[in-house]
Amino acid sequence: MTTHAMPRPNPAIGVLLSATGVRPRVEVDAESLVVDLGWSFSVTVPRTAIWSVADEPGRRVSIGAHGWRGRWLVNTTGGSLVTVRLDPPARGRCLGLPVTVRELTLSIADRDAFRADLAR
């Protein structure tokens, strides 16, 4: 299993994430991709469901877990983003409620290592 760090957030955001118990985690093993943002968001994606992985250009203003119609942004910073497209969609949880995940855009500190790990 390989753990991929999310970039360190702005210090004020870091304090907020710590105070609310949010501990970002992105792990890849032979069978799955696990994305966990504490109590706010989690999904386990079978590797066989990963259709594509690509760097995401641009930046996002929001930080945390945000989704709409199966497209989820899970990030600790506005940049260094990677988009993972899924087929079939995975089932995740946001604030304890079930959600459908068709696309994950993640902030990843070392995007090259993350993409290489998923390509294996």
Protein backbone atom coordinates (compact mmCIF):
# COMPACT_ATOMS: atom_id res chain seq x y z
CA MET A 1 0.00 0.00 0.00
CA THR A 2 1.25 3.47 -0.92
CA THR A 3 0.12 6.61 0.86
CA HIS A 4 0.02 9.80 -1.20
CA ALA A 5 0.12 13.05 0.74
CA MET A 6 -2.25 15.88 0.06
CA PRO A 7 -0.48 19.26 0.01
CA ARG A 8 -0.21 21.11 3.31
CA PRO A 9 -3.00 23.66 3.53
CA ASN A 10 -2.73 27.30 4.48
CA PRO A 11 -1.96 27.37 8.26
CA ALA A 12 -5.40 28.81 9.12
CA ILE A 13 -7.13 26.08 7.09
CA GLY A 14 -4.83 23.48 8.67
CA VAL A 15 -5.97 24.54 12.15
CA LEU A 16 -9.61 24.34 11.06
CA LEU A 17 -9.14 20.86 9.56
CA SER A 18 -7.35 19.65 12.71
CA ALA A 19 -9.95 21.18 15.03
CA THR A 20 -12.76 19.38 13.19
CA GLY A 21 -10.94 16.04 13.14
CA VAL A 22 -10.41 15.96 9.38
CA ARG A 23 -7.31 13.91 8.53
CA PRO A 24 -6.74 13.67 4.76
CA ARG A 25 -5.69 10.24 3.47
CA VAL A 26 -5.12 8.94 -0.06
CA GLU A 27 -3.91 5.34 -0.36
CA VAL A 28 -3.36 3.05 -3.33
CA ASP A 29 -2.95 -0.71 -3.11
CA ALA A 30 -3.22 -3.55 -5.60
CA GLU A 31 -7.01 -3.62 -5.35
CA SER A 32 -8.22 -0.10 -4.62
CA LEU A 33 -7.83 3.65 -4.27
CA VAL A 34 -8.95 4.96 -0.87
CA VAL A 35 -9.74 8.65 -0.36
CA ASP A 36 -10.67 9.73 3.15
CA LEU A 37 -11.21 13.22 4.52
CA GLY A 38 -12.21 12.16 8.03
CA TRP A 39 -15.90 12.35 8.88
CA SER A 40 -16.62 14.62 5.91
CA PHE A 41 -15.90 12.31 2.93
CA SER A 42 -14.72 8.79 2.13
CA VAL A 43 -14.70 6.48 -0.88
CA THR A 44 -12.99 3.22 -1.77
CA VAL A 45 -12.64 2.77 -5.53
CA PRO A 46 -11.77 -0.61 -7.07
CA ARG A 47 -8.72 -0.21 -9.34
CA THR A 48 -10.72 -1.86 -12.13
CA ALA A 49 -13.15 1.12 -12.06
CA ILE A 50 -10.42 3.71 -12.73
CA TRP A 51 -10.94 4.81 -16.33
CA SER A 52 -8.47 7.72 -16.54
CA VAL A 53 -6.11 9.85 -14.44
CA ALA A 54 -5.00 13.31 -15.56
CA ASP A 55 -3.61 16.54 -14.15
CA GLU A 56 -6.27 19.18 -13.69
CA PRO A 57 -5.28 22.62 -14.97
CA GLY A 58 -6.11 25.71 -12.99
CA ARG A 59 -6.90 26.25 -9.35
CA ARG A 60 -9.95 25.95 -7.12
CA VAL A 61 -10.98 28.43 -4.44
CA SER A 62 -12.83 25.98 -2.18
CA ILE A 63 -11.15 23.49 0.15
CA GLY A 64 -12.69 20.33 1.60
CA ALA A 65 -15.11 17.90 -0.05
CA HIS A 66 -17.61 19.27 -2.55
CA GLY A 67 -19.72 17.34 -5.02
CA TRP A 68 -22.45 17.69 -7.58
CA ARG A 69 -23.96 15.00 -9.78
CA GLY A 70 -21.18 12.50 -9.14
CA ARG A 71 -18.26 14.92 -9.65
CA TRP A 72 -16.30 15.40 -6.41
CA LEU A 73 -13.54 17.82 -5.45
CA VAL A 74 -11.59 16.62 -2.40
CA ASN A 75 -8.72 18.97 -1.65
CA THR A 76 -6.56 20.66 0.98
CA THR A 77 -5.25 23.39 -1.36
CA GLY A 78 -6.45 25.07 -4.53
CA GLY A 79 -3.70 23.70 -6.78
CA SER A 80 -1.78 20.49 -7.56
CA LEU A 81 -4.98 18.78 -8.69
CA VAL A 82 -5.47 15.38 -10.37
CA THR A 83 -8.78 14.12 -11.79
CA VAL A 84 -9.64 10.41 -11.61
CA ARG A 85 -12.59 9.32 -13.78
CA LEU A 86 -14.48 6.16 -12.83
CA ASP A 87 -16.54 3.65 -14.76
CA PRO A 88 -18.56 2.20 -13.16
CA PRO A 89 -19.18 4.86 -10.49
CA ALA A 90 -18.19 4.10 -6.90
CA ARG A 91 -20.26 4.52 -3.76
CA GLY A 92 -18.86 6.88 -1.16
CA ARG A 93 -20.02 8.80 1.88
CA CYS A 94 -20.25 12.54 2.50
CA LEU A 95 -21.22 13.68 6.00
CA GLY A 96 -22.39 10.10 6.60
CA LEU A 97 -24.77 10.06 3.63
CA PRO A 98 -24.28 7.76 0.62
CA VAL A 99 -23.07 9.46 -2.57
CA THR A 100 -22.24 8.36 -6.10
CA VAL A 101 -18.71 9.14 -7.30
CA ARG A 102 -18.12 9.27 -11.07
CA GLU A 103 -15.17 11.65 -10.96
CA LEU A 104 -12.72 12.60 -8.20
CA THR A 105 -10.55 15.71 -8.38
CA LEU A 106 -7.92 15.47 -5.65
CA SER A 107 -5.11 17.69 -4.43
CA ILE A 108 -1.99 15.49 -4.43
CA ALA A 109 1.46 16.70 -3.36
CA ASP A 110 3.36 14.49 -5.86
CA ARG A 111 1.07 14.11 -8.86
CA ASP A 112 3.67 12.22 -10.94
CA ALA A 113 4.08 9.51 -8.27
CA PHE A 114 0.30 9.24 -7.85
CA ARG A 115 -0.30 8.80 -11.59
CA ALA A 116 2.56 6.28 -11.85
CA ASP A 117 1.18 4.30 -8.90
CA LEU A 118 -2.27 4.06 -10.49
CA ALA A 119 -0.74 3.05 -13.85
CA ARG A 120 0.81 -0.09 -12.34
